[in-house]
Every structure is written in C-alpha cells, then in structure tokens.
N, C-alpha and C. Protein backbone atom coordinates (compact mmCIF):
# COMPACT_ATOMS: atom_id res chain seq x y z
N MET A 1 128.39 131.18 99.47
CA MET A 1 127.67 131.22 100.76
C MET A 1 126.49 130.15 100.59
N ILE A 2 126.30 129.41 101.68
CA ILE A 2 125.17 128.42 101.65
C ILE A 2 124.18 128.90 102.73
N ALA A 3 122.93 128.84 102.24
CA ALA A 3 121.78 129.17 103.13
C ALA A 3 120.75 128.08 102.90
N SER A 4 119.94 127.93 103.95
CA SER A 4 118.84 126.89 103.81
C SER A 4 117.52 127.46 104.33
N ALA A 5 116.46 126.80 104.01
CA ALA A 5 115.11 127.18 104.46
C ALA A 5 114.24 125.96 104.61
N PRO A 6 113.45 125.83 105.58
CA PRO A 6 112.57 124.63 105.77
C PRO A 6 111.31 124.69 104.89
N GLY A 7 110.83 123.42 104.70
CA GLY A 7 109.47 123.30 104.17
C GLY A 7 108.42 123.45 105.26
N LYS A 8 107.20 123.16 104.98
CA LYS A 8 106.18 123.38 105.95
C LYS A 8 105.07 122.35 105.77
N VAL A 9 104.20 122.25 106.87
CA VAL A 9 102.94 121.49 106.78
C VAL A 9 101.94 122.44 107.38
N ILE A 10 100.83 122.47 106.72
CA ILE A 10 99.64 123.20 107.35
C ILE A 10 98.84 122.16 108.09
N LEU A 11 98.82 122.22 109.38
CA LEU A 11 98.13 121.26 110.19
C LEU A 11 96.58 121.40 110.16
N PHE A 12 96.14 122.69 110.21
CA PHE A 12 94.69 122.98 110.08
C PHE A 12 94.52 124.19 109.24
N GLY A 13 93.58 124.24 108.32
CA GLY A 13 93.20 125.35 107.52
C GLY A 13 93.91 125.43 106.15
N GLU A 14 94.26 124.29 105.55
CA GLU A 14 95.12 124.23 104.37
C GLU A 14 94.72 125.25 103.30
N HIS A 15 93.51 125.22 102.76
CA HIS A 15 93.19 126.15 101.65
C HIS A 15 92.61 127.43 102.17
N ALA A 16 92.24 127.43 103.44
CA ALA A 16 91.64 128.63 104.01
C ALA A 16 92.53 129.82 104.04
N VAL A 17 93.87 129.58 104.06
CA VAL A 17 94.78 130.73 104.20
C VAL A 17 94.72 131.56 102.98
N VAL A 18 94.44 130.95 101.79
CA VAL A 18 94.36 131.80 100.54
C VAL A 18 93.25 132.87 100.64
N TYR A 19 92.28 132.62 101.52
CA TYR A 19 91.15 133.52 101.70
C TYR A 19 91.23 134.33 102.97
N GLY A 20 92.48 134.36 103.58
CA GLY A 20 92.67 135.08 104.77
C GLY A 20 92.12 134.51 106.10
N ARG A 21 91.77 133.21 105.97
CA ARG A 21 91.23 132.55 107.20
C ARG A 21 92.35 131.92 108.01
N HIS A 22 92.05 131.45 109.17
CA HIS A 22 93.00 130.95 110.11
C HIS A 22 93.64 129.58 109.68
N ALA A 23 94.91 129.43 110.01
CA ALA A 23 95.61 128.11 109.80
C ALA A 23 96.63 127.99 110.86
N ILE A 24 96.93 126.76 111.17
CA ILE A 24 98.04 126.43 112.04
C ILE A 24 99.03 125.74 111.09
N VAL A 25 100.28 126.25 111.20
CA VAL A 25 101.33 125.96 110.26
C VAL A 25 102.60 125.78 111.01
N THR A 26 103.37 124.71 110.56
CA THR A 26 104.68 124.47 111.22
C THR A 26 105.72 124.14 110.22
N ALA A 27 106.87 124.53 110.53
CA ALA A 27 108.09 124.18 109.64
C ALA A 27 108.38 122.70 109.92
N ILE A 28 109.00 122.01 108.92
CA ILE A 28 109.37 120.66 109.03
C ILE A 28 110.83 120.56 108.91
N ASN A 29 111.40 119.37 109.15
CA ASN A 29 112.81 119.21 109.16
C ASN A 29 113.41 118.79 107.84
N ARG A 30 112.65 119.03 106.75
CA ARG A 30 113.14 118.96 105.43
C ARG A 30 113.54 120.34 104.95
N ARG A 31 114.64 120.45 104.25
CA ARG A 31 115.10 121.83 103.85
C ARG A 31 115.50 121.89 102.42
N CYS A 32 115.59 123.11 101.89
CA CYS A 32 116.20 123.41 100.64
C CYS A 32 117.49 124.13 100.94
N TYR A 33 118.53 123.87 100.22
CA TYR A 33 119.84 124.54 100.37
C TYR A 33 120.23 125.29 99.04
N ALA A 34 120.62 126.48 99.24
CA ALA A 34 121.19 127.21 98.06
C ALA A 34 122.67 127.68 98.26
N ASP A 35 123.47 127.30 97.39
CA ASP A 35 124.90 127.67 97.47
C ASP A 35 125.16 128.73 96.41
N VAL A 36 125.47 129.95 96.83
CA VAL A 36 125.64 131.12 95.87
C VAL A 36 127.11 131.57 95.98
N LYS A 37 127.63 131.70 94.75
CA LYS A 37 129.01 132.31 94.64
C LYS A 37 129.02 133.44 93.62
N LYS A 38 129.72 134.47 93.84
CA LYS A 38 129.88 135.57 92.87
C LYS A 38 130.40 134.95 91.62
N SER A 39 130.01 135.50 90.47
CA SER A 39 130.42 135.03 89.23
C SER A 39 130.23 136.20 88.15
N SER A 40 130.84 135.93 86.95
CA SER A 40 130.72 136.96 85.87
C SER A 40 129.42 136.69 85.10
N LYS A 41 128.76 135.60 85.27
CA LYS A 41 127.44 135.34 84.62
C LYS A 41 126.54 134.61 85.53
N PHE A 42 125.25 134.48 85.17
CA PHE A 42 124.31 133.77 85.93
C PHE A 42 124.22 132.35 85.55
N SER A 43 124.28 131.45 86.57
CA SER A 43 124.11 130.04 86.37
C SER A 43 123.34 129.50 87.44
N ILE A 44 122.34 128.62 87.11
CA ILE A 44 121.49 127.97 88.04
C ILE A 44 121.55 126.51 87.84
N SER A 45 121.92 125.70 88.80
CA SER A 45 122.00 124.24 88.76
C SER A 45 121.04 123.67 89.81
N SER A 46 120.24 122.72 89.36
CA SER A 46 119.33 121.99 90.30
C SER A 46 119.15 120.62 89.70
N SER A 47 118.27 119.83 90.34
CA SER A 47 117.96 118.51 89.84
C SER A 47 117.12 118.58 88.60
N ILE A 48 116.55 119.81 88.30
CA ILE A 48 115.70 120.00 87.14
C ILE A 48 116.64 120.21 85.95
N ALA A 49 117.57 121.15 86.01
CA ALA A 49 118.45 121.43 84.85
C ALA A 49 119.57 122.41 85.32
N THR A 50 120.44 122.65 84.40
CA THR A 50 121.55 123.66 84.56
C THR A 50 121.21 124.74 83.52
N THR A 51 120.98 125.97 83.93
CA THR A 51 120.58 127.05 83.00
C THR A 51 121.14 128.30 83.44
N GLY A 52 120.96 129.37 82.63
CA GLY A 52 121.25 130.74 83.08
C GLY A 52 119.93 131.18 83.70
N LEU A 53 119.64 132.47 83.68
CA LEU A 53 118.34 132.91 84.10
C LEU A 53 117.32 132.22 83.20
N ASP A 54 116.42 131.54 83.74
CA ASP A 54 115.36 130.82 82.96
C ASP A 54 114.04 130.81 83.75
N PHE A 55 113.13 131.67 83.23
CA PHE A 55 111.89 131.82 83.90
C PHE A 55 110.90 130.65 83.72
N GLU A 56 111.25 129.75 82.88
CA GLU A 56 110.43 128.56 82.63
C GLU A 56 110.92 127.36 83.44
N LYS A 57 112.25 127.09 83.39
CA LYS A 57 112.76 125.91 84.16
C LYS A 57 113.11 126.21 85.55
N HIS A 58 113.45 127.41 85.83
CA HIS A 58 113.80 127.86 87.24
C HIS A 58 113.04 129.21 87.54
N PRO A 59 111.74 129.17 87.54
CA PRO A 59 111.06 130.44 87.74
C PRO A 59 111.25 131.11 89.09
N TYR A 60 111.27 130.31 90.17
CA TYR A 60 111.37 130.88 91.50
C TYR A 60 112.75 131.47 91.72
N VAL A 61 113.83 130.73 91.21
CA VAL A 61 115.18 131.25 91.37
C VAL A 61 115.42 132.42 90.46
N SER A 62 114.88 132.46 89.27
CA SER A 62 115.10 133.55 88.32
C SER A 62 114.36 134.79 88.80
N PHE A 63 113.13 134.67 89.25
CA PHE A 63 112.49 135.81 89.82
C PHE A 63 113.09 136.28 91.10
N ALA A 64 113.62 135.42 91.92
CA ALA A 64 114.33 135.82 93.12
C ALA A 64 115.49 136.68 92.80
N LEU A 65 116.27 136.24 91.80
CA LEU A 65 117.44 137.07 91.28
C LEU A 65 116.98 138.40 90.79
N LYS A 66 115.91 138.39 89.99
CA LYS A 66 115.42 139.68 89.50
C LYS A 66 115.00 140.62 90.60
N ARG A 67 114.26 140.09 91.60
CA ARG A 67 113.75 140.90 92.67
C ARG A 67 114.90 141.35 93.58
N PHE A 68 115.95 140.46 93.83
CA PHE A 68 117.10 140.77 94.64
C PHE A 68 117.83 142.00 94.00
N MET A 69 117.90 142.00 92.70
CA MET A 69 118.65 143.10 92.06
C MET A 69 117.92 144.48 92.08
N GLU A 70 116.75 144.53 92.59
CA GLU A 70 116.09 145.71 93.01
C GLU A 70 116.78 146.40 94.17
N PHE A 71 117.46 145.63 94.97
CA PHE A 71 118.17 146.06 96.15
C PHE A 71 119.68 146.15 95.97
N LYS A 72 120.29 145.28 95.16
CA LYS A 72 121.74 145.25 94.95
C LYS A 72 121.98 144.73 93.48
N GLN A 73 122.60 145.57 92.71
CA GLN A 73 122.96 145.18 91.30
C GLN A 73 124.18 144.25 91.40
N ILE A 74 124.03 143.09 90.66
CA ILE A 74 125.10 142.21 90.64
C ILE A 74 125.32 141.85 89.09
N MET A 75 126.52 141.38 88.80
CA MET A 75 126.87 141.04 87.42
C MET A 75 126.61 139.59 87.14
N GLY A 76 126.57 138.77 88.11
CA GLY A 76 126.36 137.33 87.92
C GLY A 76 126.48 136.64 89.25
N ALA A 77 125.92 135.34 89.22
CA ALA A 77 126.00 134.54 90.37
C ALA A 77 125.89 133.03 89.90
N GLU A 78 126.64 132.23 90.60
CA GLU A 78 126.55 130.74 90.39
C GLU A 78 125.66 130.23 91.51
N ILE A 79 124.51 129.65 91.13
CA ILE A 79 123.62 129.20 92.19
C ILE A 79 123.37 127.65 92.01
N LYS A 80 123.69 126.97 93.12
CA LYS A 80 123.45 125.47 93.11
C LYS A 80 122.27 125.21 94.14
N ILE A 81 121.36 124.46 93.68
CA ILE A 81 120.17 124.16 94.57
C ILE A 81 120.23 122.63 94.90
N ARG A 82 119.97 122.33 96.18
CA ARG A 82 119.77 120.97 96.60
C ARG A 82 118.66 121.01 97.64
N SER A 83 117.67 120.04 97.47
CA SER A 83 116.61 120.07 98.34
C SER A 83 116.21 118.61 98.82
N ASP A 84 115.81 118.59 100.08
CA ASP A 84 115.19 117.40 100.69
C ASP A 84 113.73 117.32 100.62
N ILE A 85 113.15 118.54 100.07
CA ILE A 85 111.66 118.62 100.02
C ILE A 85 111.19 118.18 98.67
N PRO A 86 110.28 117.15 98.61
CA PRO A 86 109.70 116.75 97.38
C PRO A 86 108.96 117.94 96.68
N ILE A 87 109.19 118.05 95.43
CA ILE A 87 108.50 119.19 94.70
C ILE A 87 107.03 118.75 94.43
N SER A 88 106.19 119.78 94.31
CA SER A 88 104.73 119.63 93.96
C SER A 88 104.02 118.70 94.92
N SER A 89 104.42 118.79 96.19
CA SER A 89 103.84 117.96 97.22
C SER A 89 103.06 118.70 98.30
N GLY A 90 103.00 119.97 98.20
CA GLY A 90 102.30 120.75 99.22
C GLY A 90 103.13 121.05 100.44
N LEU A 91 104.41 120.81 100.37
CA LEU A 91 105.25 120.98 101.53
C LEU A 91 106.12 122.32 101.48
N GLY A 92 105.77 123.16 100.58
CA GLY A 92 106.38 124.50 100.46
C GLY A 92 107.74 124.51 99.80
N SER A 93 108.05 123.57 98.88
CA SER A 93 109.36 123.52 98.24
C SER A 93 109.63 124.81 97.52
N SER A 94 108.69 125.38 96.81
CA SER A 94 108.96 126.64 96.02
C SER A 94 109.36 127.76 97.00
N ALA A 95 108.63 127.94 98.07
CA ALA A 95 108.99 129.00 99.05
C ALA A 95 110.36 128.77 99.66
N ALA A 96 110.68 127.47 99.95
CA ALA A 96 111.96 127.14 100.59
C ALA A 96 113.10 127.44 99.62
N VAL A 97 112.92 127.13 98.30
CA VAL A 97 114.01 127.45 97.39
C VAL A 97 114.12 128.95 97.28
N THR A 98 112.98 129.65 97.24
CA THR A 98 113.07 131.15 97.09
C THR A 98 113.82 131.73 98.29
N ILE A 99 113.44 131.39 99.47
CA ILE A 99 114.01 131.86 100.69
C ILE A 99 115.50 131.53 100.83
N SER A 100 115.83 130.26 100.52
CA SER A 100 117.18 129.90 100.63
C SER A 100 118.10 130.69 99.62
N VAL A 101 117.60 130.82 98.40
CA VAL A 101 118.33 131.65 97.37
C VAL A 101 118.45 133.10 97.85
N LEU A 102 117.34 133.72 98.34
CA LEU A 102 117.44 135.11 98.72
C LEU A 102 118.42 135.24 99.94
N LYS A 103 118.39 134.32 100.90
CA LYS A 103 119.27 134.46 102.03
C LYS A 103 120.71 134.24 101.60
N ALA A 104 121.02 133.29 100.67
CA ALA A 104 122.27 133.13 100.21
C ALA A 104 122.82 134.29 99.39
N LEU A 105 121.98 134.86 98.56
CA LEU A 105 122.37 136.04 97.78
C LEU A 105 122.66 137.19 98.73
N ASP A 106 121.77 137.39 99.71
CA ASP A 106 121.99 138.43 100.68
C ASP A 106 123.32 138.33 101.44
N ALA A 107 123.66 137.11 101.77
CA ALA A 107 125.01 136.93 102.48
C ALA A 107 126.17 137.04 101.67
N GLU A 108 126.05 136.48 100.36
CA GLU A 108 127.27 136.44 99.48
C GLU A 108 127.46 137.86 98.96
N PHE A 109 126.42 138.67 98.71
CA PHE A 109 126.66 140.07 98.16
C PHE A 109 126.47 141.07 99.24
N GLU A 110 126.42 140.73 100.52
CA GLU A 110 126.37 141.63 101.64
C GLU A 110 125.38 142.73 101.40
N ALA A 111 124.09 142.40 101.14
CA ALA A 111 123.03 143.38 100.90
C ALA A 111 122.43 143.88 102.15
N GLY A 112 122.55 143.09 103.21
CA GLY A 112 122.05 143.57 104.50
C GLY A 112 120.48 143.60 104.67
N LEU A 113 119.86 142.63 103.98
CA LEU A 113 118.39 142.61 103.98
C LEU A 113 117.93 141.94 105.27
N SER A 114 116.91 142.52 105.93
CA SER A 114 116.31 141.89 107.15
C SER A 114 115.48 140.68 106.76
N ASP A 115 115.12 139.88 107.75
CA ASP A 115 114.18 138.70 107.44
C ASP A 115 112.83 139.26 106.87
N GLU A 116 112.37 140.33 107.47
CA GLU A 116 111.06 140.82 106.91
C GLU A 116 111.18 141.30 105.51
N VAL A 117 112.27 141.94 105.11
CA VAL A 117 112.46 142.28 103.67
C VAL A 117 112.55 141.04 102.78
N ILE A 118 113.33 140.06 103.30
CA ILE A 118 113.48 138.83 102.53
C ILE A 118 112.14 138.17 102.36
N TYR A 119 111.29 138.16 103.37
CA TYR A 119 109.94 137.55 103.26
C TYR A 119 109.08 138.34 102.28
N GLU A 120 109.16 139.67 102.37
CA GLU A 120 108.36 140.52 101.41
C GLU A 120 108.80 140.26 99.96
N VAL A 121 110.09 140.22 99.75
CA VAL A 121 110.60 139.84 98.38
C VAL A 121 110.15 138.51 97.90
N ALA A 122 110.22 137.51 98.80
CA ALA A 122 109.78 136.23 98.43
C ALA A 122 108.27 136.18 98.11
N ARG A 123 107.56 136.92 98.83
CA ARG A 123 106.10 137.13 98.61
C ARG A 123 105.83 137.61 97.25
N LYS A 124 106.63 138.58 96.82
CA LYS A 124 106.46 139.13 95.45
C LYS A 124 106.88 138.04 94.37
N VAL A 125 107.92 137.34 94.67
CA VAL A 125 108.35 136.20 93.77
C VAL A 125 107.15 135.16 93.61
N GLU A 126 106.63 134.83 94.82
CA GLU A 126 105.46 133.95 94.75
C GLU A 126 104.36 134.44 93.85
N LEU A 127 104.09 135.70 93.96
CA LEU A 127 103.00 136.36 93.17
C LEU A 127 103.44 136.43 91.66
N ASP A 128 104.68 136.70 91.41
CA ASP A 128 105.28 136.76 90.05
C ASP A 128 104.98 135.41 89.32
N VAL A 129 105.21 134.31 90.09
CA VAL A 129 105.21 132.98 89.44
C VAL A 129 103.76 132.48 89.50
N GLN A 130 103.07 132.56 90.60
CA GLN A 130 101.76 131.91 90.77
C GLN A 130 100.64 132.77 90.50
N GLY A 131 100.76 134.14 90.62
CA GLY A 131 99.62 135.03 90.40
C GLY A 131 98.79 135.27 91.63
N ARG A 132 98.57 134.25 92.40
CA ARG A 132 97.80 134.38 93.66
C ARG A 132 98.35 133.48 94.77
N ALA A 133 98.51 133.92 95.95
CA ALA A 133 99.06 133.07 97.04
C ALA A 133 98.75 133.72 98.36
N SER A 134 98.78 133.00 99.38
CA SER A 134 98.54 133.49 100.74
C SER A 134 99.70 134.18 101.42
N GLY A 135 100.92 133.80 100.99
CA GLY A 135 102.16 134.25 101.65
C GLY A 135 102.58 133.42 102.86
N THR A 136 101.73 132.42 103.11
CA THR A 136 102.00 131.54 104.27
C THR A 136 103.34 130.70 104.09
N ASP A 137 103.52 130.19 102.89
CA ASP A 137 104.80 129.35 102.68
C ASP A 137 106.10 130.14 102.82
N PRO A 138 106.13 131.27 102.15
CA PRO A 138 107.47 132.06 102.40
C PRO A 138 107.58 132.59 103.82
N PHE A 139 106.49 132.83 104.48
CA PHE A 139 106.59 133.28 105.83
C PHE A 139 107.26 132.17 106.71
N ILE A 140 106.66 130.93 106.58
CA ILE A 140 107.23 129.84 107.44
C ILE A 140 108.64 129.54 106.97
N SER A 141 108.98 129.50 105.71
CA SER A 141 110.33 129.30 105.28
C SER A 141 111.33 130.29 105.70
N THR A 142 110.85 131.53 105.97
CA THR A 142 111.67 132.62 106.50
C THR A 142 111.88 132.48 107.97
N TYR A 143 110.81 132.28 108.72
CA TYR A 143 110.93 132.33 110.17
C TYR A 143 110.96 130.93 110.86
N GLY A 144 110.59 129.90 110.18
CA GLY A 144 110.50 128.55 110.82
C GLY A 144 109.54 128.58 112.00
N GLY A 145 109.57 127.46 112.73
CA GLY A 145 108.67 127.38 113.94
C GLY A 145 107.26 127.01 113.60
N SER A 146 106.34 127.27 114.55
CA SER A 146 104.95 127.01 114.41
C SER A 146 104.17 128.29 114.70
N TRP A 147 103.13 128.47 113.81
CA TRP A 147 102.46 129.79 113.81
C TRP A 147 100.96 129.68 113.61
N LEU A 148 100.23 130.58 114.17
CA LEU A 148 98.81 130.85 113.82
C LEU A 148 98.86 131.89 112.73
N ILE A 149 98.26 131.60 111.56
CA ILE A 149 98.27 132.51 110.47
C ILE A 149 96.80 132.93 110.23
N PRO A 150 96.38 134.13 109.90
CA PRO A 150 97.26 135.24 109.47
C PRO A 150 97.81 136.12 110.59
N GLU A 151 97.50 135.85 111.78
CA GLU A 151 97.83 136.68 112.96
C GLU A 151 99.37 136.77 113.16
N ARG A 152 100.12 135.76 112.68
CA ARG A 152 101.56 135.71 112.89
C ARG A 152 101.87 135.59 114.36
N GLU A 153 101.05 134.73 115.07
CA GLU A 153 101.38 134.44 116.49
C GLU A 153 102.09 133.12 116.54
N GLN A 154 103.37 133.23 117.02
CA GLN A 154 104.19 132.09 117.14
C GLN A 154 103.85 131.31 118.44
N PHE A 155 103.85 129.94 118.35
CA PHE A 155 103.78 129.12 119.55
C PHE A 155 104.56 127.87 119.44
N GLU A 156 104.71 127.19 120.54
CA GLU A 156 105.64 126.00 120.55
C GLU A 156 104.69 124.71 120.49
N ILE A 157 105.08 123.86 119.65
CA ILE A 157 104.42 122.51 119.60
C ILE A 157 105.47 121.59 120.21
N ARG A 158 105.06 120.86 121.31
CA ARG A 158 105.98 120.01 121.94
C ARG A 158 105.77 118.55 121.58
N ASP A 159 106.80 117.92 121.25
CA ASP A 159 106.77 116.55 120.93
C ASP A 159 105.67 116.05 120.03
N LEU A 160 105.48 116.78 118.95
CA LEU A 160 104.44 116.42 118.00
C LEU A 160 105.09 115.59 116.95
N GLY A 161 104.81 114.32 116.86
CA GLY A 161 105.34 113.49 115.83
C GLY A 161 104.37 113.48 114.63
N ILE A 162 104.89 113.98 113.47
CA ILE A 162 104.09 114.06 112.25
C ILE A 162 104.82 113.16 111.30
N LEU A 163 104.02 112.32 110.72
CA LEU A 163 104.55 111.42 109.61
C LEU A 163 103.95 111.94 108.30
N VAL A 164 104.94 112.42 107.47
CA VAL A 164 104.48 112.89 106.14
C VAL A 164 105.01 111.87 105.20
N ILE A 165 104.07 111.36 104.34
CA ILE A 165 104.37 110.30 103.42
C ILE A 165 104.28 110.88 102.01
N ASP A 166 105.32 110.63 101.24
CA ASP A 166 105.37 111.06 99.77
C ASP A 166 104.67 110.00 98.97
N SER A 167 103.51 110.26 98.50
CA SER A 167 102.77 109.35 97.72
C SER A 167 103.25 109.24 96.29
N GLN A 168 104.13 110.13 95.91
CA GLN A 168 104.72 110.25 94.55
C GLN A 168 103.64 110.62 93.53
N GLN A 169 102.54 111.13 93.98
CA GLN A 169 101.51 111.74 93.15
C GLN A 169 101.63 113.24 93.26
N TYR A 170 102.22 113.87 92.18
CA TYR A 170 102.57 115.18 92.25
C TYR A 170 101.55 116.09 91.52
N SER A 171 101.34 117.30 92.00
CA SER A 171 100.44 118.16 91.32
C SER A 171 100.78 119.62 91.67
N VAL A 172 100.34 120.55 90.87
CA VAL A 172 100.57 121.92 91.11
C VAL A 172 99.65 122.28 92.36
N THR A 173 100.31 122.74 93.41
CA THR A 173 99.55 123.02 94.60
C THR A 173 99.26 124.56 94.82
N SER A 174 99.78 125.35 93.93
CA SER A 174 99.57 126.80 94.12
C SER A 174 98.21 127.27 93.52
C-alpha cells in the first residue's frame, strides 16, 4: 500500500509555534511516499540506508512502527521510502515521512485509524525523536492545506506563488 504526505512552509511565525504563538502554515507540492507491504520481518529502505528497525538511521520510521504497534500488532513490514522533500531543510520532511508511513501501515494492515489518531501518533513520534516540538509539521502533513496555528483554522490561499530554493545548506531544524 502506498501513501503520501506533503511537506510544509511556515509563511509567518516560524519559531513562534514552538512557544504556542500564531503561525500561518501551508502544505507544499513536495511529498514523501511510503510503500508498505506485509512481511515476516521488518525492513526499511530509503536513500539513507536499508535496515531493519533502526532508531539511529531511520528514527522516524522506527518510532512510527513502534507507536503503530500500540494499536495493531504486526510481525513485520517491508517499508520503502521515497521523498521529493529535501531533508534538514525546514520543509517538514520528518513529519511527511512519519505521516506517510503511518497512513500506509494503517491501510496495509487495516487498522482503521482516523486522521486525528494518525496525527496524535505522529506527534508522539516527533517527541520521541526530537524531545520538543510544536506539532505543526505533523498536523500539516496529515491534513494538508493552509492553516492558522495553533487555532487550527483552515483557510484558502489563492494563487500564491511561493518559490522555495534549496540552498543545499542543511541543518537540524527541530
């Protein structure tokens, strides 16, 4: 089962969201894709590496699997990740991979999780890996669209042309 989730840009209020302040956030047309198949063992393949459960090389995917198994026990899964979102660029690639994996797991294993539950699980994964986070990235990757955060008021942005340039200068943004 293949699922995808978008990256995001915070138009206003970038760091303020960590402190519960307002931000205007929108999903972008770059996505992460997770292809999940039932298997007798755990396998995670990405541009980073091919591993089993690996909390160092694939922390978001591994914690997503761990958290998913709180809802549905599984014996294994083959997970392949492909992403159009540059990593460590502030575009929400970690949230997009987490949400795409959770949605693909949910569909493949018929767990019946709602979007709100998937968001809450991804929020826990974000905290497992980063220790502190606003929850904005997994929210946008779950629901898409444009939002006022923390109010969760959705609105439409018409014909907004945003040019996002990858400077190839990567850093930890969490």
